[in-house]
N, C-alpha and C. Protein backbone atom coordinates (compact mmCIF):
# COMPACT_ATOMS: atom_id res chain seq x y z
N MET A 1 0.82 -1.19 0.00
CA MET A 1 0.00 0.00 0.00
C MET A 1 0.87 1.26 0.00
N ALA A 2 1.96 1.23 0.76
CA ALA A 2 2.86 2.39 0.82
C ALA A 2 3.52 2.62 -0.54
N LYS A 3 3.81 1.52 -1.24
CA LYS A 3 4.44 1.65 -2.56
C LYS A 3 3.48 2.33 -3.54
N LEU A 4 2.22 1.99 -3.49
CA LEU A 4 1.23 2.61 -4.36
C LEU A 4 1.11 4.10 -4.05
N ALA A 5 1.09 4.44 -2.79
CA ALA A 5 1.02 5.86 -2.40
C ALA A 5 2.24 6.62 -2.89
N GLN A 6 3.40 5.97 -2.84
CA GLN A 6 4.63 6.60 -3.31
C GLN A 6 4.57 6.81 -4.83
N GLN A 7 4.04 5.83 -5.56
CA GLN A 7 3.91 5.97 -7.01
C GLN A 7 2.95 7.10 -7.37
N VAL A 8 1.85 7.18 -6.67
CA VAL A 8 0.87 8.24 -6.91
C VAL A 8 1.51 9.60 -6.67
N GLU A 9 2.30 9.70 -5.60
CA GLU A 9 2.98 10.96 -5.30
C GLU A 9 3.98 11.32 -6.40
N CYS A 10 4.69 10.33 -6.92
CA CYS A 10 5.63 10.57 -8.02
C CYS A 10 4.89 11.06 -9.26
N TYR A 11 3.75 10.46 -9.56
CA TYR A 11 2.95 10.88 -10.71
C TYR A 11 2.49 12.33 -10.54
N LYS A 12 2.06 12.67 -9.34
CA LYS A 12 1.61 14.04 -9.08
C LYS A 12 2.75 15.04 -9.29
N LYS A 13 3.94 14.68 -8.81
CA LYS A 13 5.09 15.56 -8.98
C LYS A 13 5.45 15.70 -10.45
N MET A 14 5.34 14.61 -11.20
CA MET A 14 5.65 14.66 -12.62
C MET A 14 4.66 15.58 -13.35
N VAL A 15 3.41 15.48 -13.00
CA VAL A 15 2.40 16.35 -13.62
C VAL A 15 2.69 17.81 -13.29
N GLN A 16 3.04 18.10 -12.05
CA GLN A 16 3.37 19.48 -11.67
C GLN A 16 4.58 19.98 -12.44
N PHE A 17 5.59 19.12 -12.58
CA PHE A 17 6.80 19.48 -13.32
C PHE A 17 6.47 19.80 -14.77
N MET A 18 5.67 18.96 -15.40
CA MET A 18 5.32 19.17 -16.80
C MET A 18 4.45 20.41 -16.98
N GLU A 19 3.62 20.71 -16.01
CA GLU A 19 2.77 21.89 -16.12
C GLU A 19 3.58 23.18 -16.08
N LYS A 20 4.76 23.14 -15.49
CA LYS A 20 5.64 24.31 -15.49
C LYS A 20 6.22 24.55 -16.87
N ASP A 21 6.18 23.54 -17.71
CA ASP A 21 6.63 23.64 -19.11
C ASP A 21 8.10 24.07 -19.20
N ILE A 22 8.93 23.48 -18.36
CA ILE A 22 10.35 23.82 -18.34
C ILE A 22 11.01 23.50 -19.68
N ALA A 23 10.62 22.40 -20.30
CA ALA A 23 11.21 22.04 -21.58
C ALA A 23 10.95 23.11 -22.63
N ALA A 24 9.79 23.74 -22.58
CA ALA A 24 9.46 24.78 -23.55
C ALA A 24 10.33 26.01 -23.38
N VAL A 25 10.76 26.27 -22.17
CA VAL A 25 11.59 27.43 -21.90
C VAL A 25 13.04 27.16 -22.27
N GLU A 26 13.53 25.97 -21.98
CA GLU A 26 14.94 25.66 -22.12
C GLU A 26 15.33 25.05 -23.48
N LEU A 27 14.41 24.41 -24.16
CA LEU A 27 14.74 23.68 -25.40
C LEU A 27 13.95 24.22 -26.59
N ALA A 28 14.58 24.19 -27.75
CA ALA A 28 13.91 24.62 -28.98
C ALA A 28 12.76 23.66 -29.30
N PRO A 29 11.73 24.14 -29.98
CA PRO A 29 10.60 23.27 -30.32
C PRO A 29 10.98 22.04 -31.15
N THR A 30 12.09 22.12 -31.86
CA THR A 30 12.52 20.99 -32.69
C THR A 30 13.55 20.10 -32.00
N HIS A 31 13.90 20.42 -30.77
CA HIS A 31 14.91 19.64 -30.05
C HIS A 31 14.38 18.23 -29.77
N HIS A 32 15.20 17.23 -30.06
CA HIS A 32 14.74 15.85 -29.94
C HIS A 32 14.37 15.46 -28.51
N ILE A 33 15.03 16.02 -27.53
CA ILE A 33 14.68 15.70 -26.14
C ILE A 33 13.32 16.29 -25.79
N ARG A 34 13.08 17.51 -26.22
CA ARG A 34 11.77 18.13 -25.96
C ARG A 34 10.65 17.34 -26.64
N LEU A 35 10.88 16.92 -27.88
CA LEU A 35 9.86 16.16 -28.60
C LEU A 35 9.61 14.81 -27.93
N GLY A 36 10.68 14.14 -27.51
CA GLY A 36 10.54 12.85 -26.84
C GLY A 36 9.84 12.98 -25.50
N LEU A 37 10.17 14.02 -24.76
CA LEU A 37 9.53 14.26 -23.47
C LEU A 37 8.04 14.51 -23.64
N ALA A 38 7.70 15.29 -24.63
CA ALA A 38 6.27 15.57 -24.89
C ALA A 38 5.53 14.30 -25.29
N LEU A 39 6.17 13.48 -26.12
CA LEU A 39 5.54 12.22 -26.53
C LEU A 39 5.33 11.31 -25.33
N ASN A 40 6.36 11.15 -24.52
CA ASN A 40 6.25 10.28 -23.34
C ASN A 40 5.19 10.80 -22.37
N PHE A 41 5.16 12.11 -22.16
CA PHE A 41 4.18 12.65 -21.23
C PHE A 41 2.76 12.52 -21.78
N SER A 42 2.60 12.65 -23.09
CA SER A 42 1.26 12.49 -23.66
C SER A 42 0.79 11.04 -23.50
N ILE A 43 1.70 10.09 -23.63
CA ILE A 43 1.34 8.68 -23.40
C ILE A 43 0.97 8.47 -21.94
N PHE A 44 1.72 9.10 -21.04
CA PHE A 44 1.40 9.03 -19.61
C PHE A 44 0.00 9.59 -19.35
N CYS A 45 -0.31 10.73 -19.94
CA CYS A 45 -1.64 11.32 -19.76
C CYS A 45 -2.73 10.39 -20.28
N TYR A 46 -2.48 9.79 -21.42
CA TYR A 46 -3.48 8.93 -22.05
C TYR A 46 -3.69 7.64 -21.27
N GLU A 47 -2.58 6.96 -20.93
CA GLU A 47 -2.69 5.63 -20.35
C GLU A 47 -2.82 5.63 -18.83
N ILE A 48 -2.12 6.50 -18.15
CA ILE A 48 -2.12 6.47 -16.68
C ILE A 48 -3.20 7.39 -16.11
N LEU A 49 -3.27 8.61 -16.63
CA LEU A 49 -4.25 9.56 -16.12
C LEU A 49 -5.62 9.41 -16.78
N ASN A 50 -5.70 8.55 -17.80
CA ASN A 50 -6.95 8.36 -18.54
C ASN A 50 -7.51 9.69 -19.04
N SER A 51 -6.63 10.48 -19.63
CA SER A 51 -7.00 11.81 -20.11
C SER A 51 -6.60 11.96 -21.58
N PRO A 52 -7.37 11.34 -22.49
CA PRO A 52 -7.01 11.43 -23.91
C PRO A 52 -7.06 12.85 -24.46
N ASP A 53 -7.95 13.68 -23.94
CA ASP A 53 -8.02 15.06 -24.42
C ASP A 53 -6.74 15.83 -24.08
N ARG A 54 -6.27 15.64 -22.86
CA ARG A 54 -5.03 16.30 -22.45
C ARG A 54 -3.84 15.78 -23.26
N ALA A 55 -3.81 14.48 -23.51
CA ALA A 55 -2.74 13.88 -24.31
C ALA A 55 -2.76 14.45 -25.72
N TYR A 56 -3.94 14.54 -26.30
CA TYR A 56 -4.06 15.07 -27.67
C TYR A 56 -3.63 16.54 -27.72
N ASP A 57 -4.10 17.33 -26.76
CA ASP A 57 -3.76 18.76 -26.75
C ASP A 57 -2.25 18.97 -26.65
N LEU A 58 -1.60 18.21 -25.78
CA LEU A 58 -0.15 18.33 -25.62
C LEU A 58 0.57 17.93 -26.91
N THR A 59 0.15 16.83 -27.50
CA THR A 59 0.79 16.36 -28.73
C THR A 59 0.58 17.35 -29.86
N LYS A 60 -0.62 17.86 -30.01
CA LYS A 60 -0.93 18.82 -31.07
C LYS A 60 -0.12 20.10 -30.90
N LYS A 61 -0.06 20.61 -29.67
CA LYS A 61 0.69 21.84 -29.39
C LYS A 61 2.17 21.64 -29.71
N THR A 62 2.73 20.53 -29.27
CA THR A 62 4.15 20.25 -29.51
C THR A 62 4.43 20.12 -31.00
N PHE A 63 3.58 19.40 -31.71
CA PHE A 63 3.75 19.21 -33.15
C PHE A 63 3.66 20.55 -33.89
N ASP A 64 2.67 21.34 -33.57
CA ASP A 64 2.50 22.64 -34.24
C ASP A 64 3.68 23.56 -34.01
N GLU A 65 4.20 23.57 -32.78
CA GLU A 65 5.37 24.41 -32.48
C GLU A 65 6.60 23.94 -33.25
N ALA A 66 6.78 22.63 -33.35
CA ALA A 66 7.94 22.10 -34.08
C ALA A 66 7.83 22.38 -35.57
N ILE A 67 6.65 22.22 -36.14
CA ILE A 67 6.45 22.49 -37.57
C ILE A 67 6.70 23.96 -37.87
N ALA A 68 6.23 24.84 -37.02
CA ALA A 68 6.45 26.28 -37.22
C ALA A 68 7.93 26.61 -37.18
N GLU A 69 8.67 25.94 -36.33
CA GLU A 69 10.11 26.19 -36.19
C GLU A 69 10.90 25.63 -37.37
N LEU A 70 10.41 24.59 -38.00
CA LEU A 70 11.12 24.00 -39.14
C LEU A 70 11.32 25.01 -40.26
N ASP A 71 10.38 25.90 -40.43
CA ASP A 71 10.48 26.90 -41.49
C ASP A 71 11.62 27.88 -41.25
N THR A 72 12.04 28.03 -40.01
CA THR A 72 13.09 29.00 -39.70
C THR A 72 14.49 28.38 -39.66
N LEU A 73 14.57 27.06 -39.72
CA LEU A 73 15.88 26.41 -39.67
C LEU A 73 16.63 26.60 -40.98
N ASP A 74 17.92 26.71 -40.86
CA ASP A 74 18.78 26.77 -42.03
C ASP A 74 18.62 25.46 -42.81
N GLU A 75 18.54 25.54 -44.13
CA GLU A 75 18.30 24.36 -44.95
C GLU A 75 19.39 23.30 -44.77
N GLU A 76 20.65 23.72 -44.67
CA GLU A 76 21.74 22.76 -44.49
C GLU A 76 21.63 22.06 -43.14
N LEU A 77 21.29 22.81 -42.10
CA LEU A 77 21.12 22.21 -40.79
C LEU A 77 19.98 21.21 -40.80
N LEU A 78 18.91 21.56 -41.46
CA LEU A 78 17.77 20.66 -41.56
C LEU A 78 18.16 19.38 -42.27
N MET A 79 18.90 19.49 -43.36
CA MET A 79 19.33 18.29 -44.10
C MET A 79 20.24 17.42 -43.23
N MET A 80 21.12 18.05 -42.46
CA MET A 80 21.99 17.29 -41.57
C MET A 80 21.18 16.54 -40.52
N ARG A 81 20.17 17.18 -39.99
CA ARG A 81 19.34 16.53 -38.98
C ARG A 81 18.54 15.38 -39.59
N LEU A 82 18.05 15.57 -40.78
CA LEU A 82 17.24 14.53 -41.41
C LEU A 82 18.08 13.32 -41.82
N THR A 83 19.33 13.54 -42.16
CA THR A 83 20.17 12.44 -42.63
C THR A 83 21.04 11.84 -41.53
N ASN A 84 21.02 12.40 -40.34
CA ASN A 84 21.83 11.88 -39.25
C ASN A 84 21.28 10.52 -38.81
N PRO A 85 22.12 9.47 -38.85
CA PRO A 85 21.62 8.13 -38.52
C PRO A 85 21.36 7.90 -37.04
N ARG A 86 21.73 8.82 -36.17
CA ARG A 86 21.52 8.60 -34.74
C ARG A 86 20.10 8.77 -34.37
């Protein structure tokens, strides 16, 4: 029972952390870590919090911000990112 309470507390802290949107302040919209974090958190919202609307909104917002930023990237940098095998 204590383990479940600890997990619930961790989930609450994670939600509070994500609501501060620290990744949006520190990382560019096209940064792979920001995109991965948003994807993982949207899955968390969908599967753990049972909040598909919140998951969709987060994913849509992240995608739209990244697409808007793609237009401002240097073409050579964009090609390097697209062809990088990592």
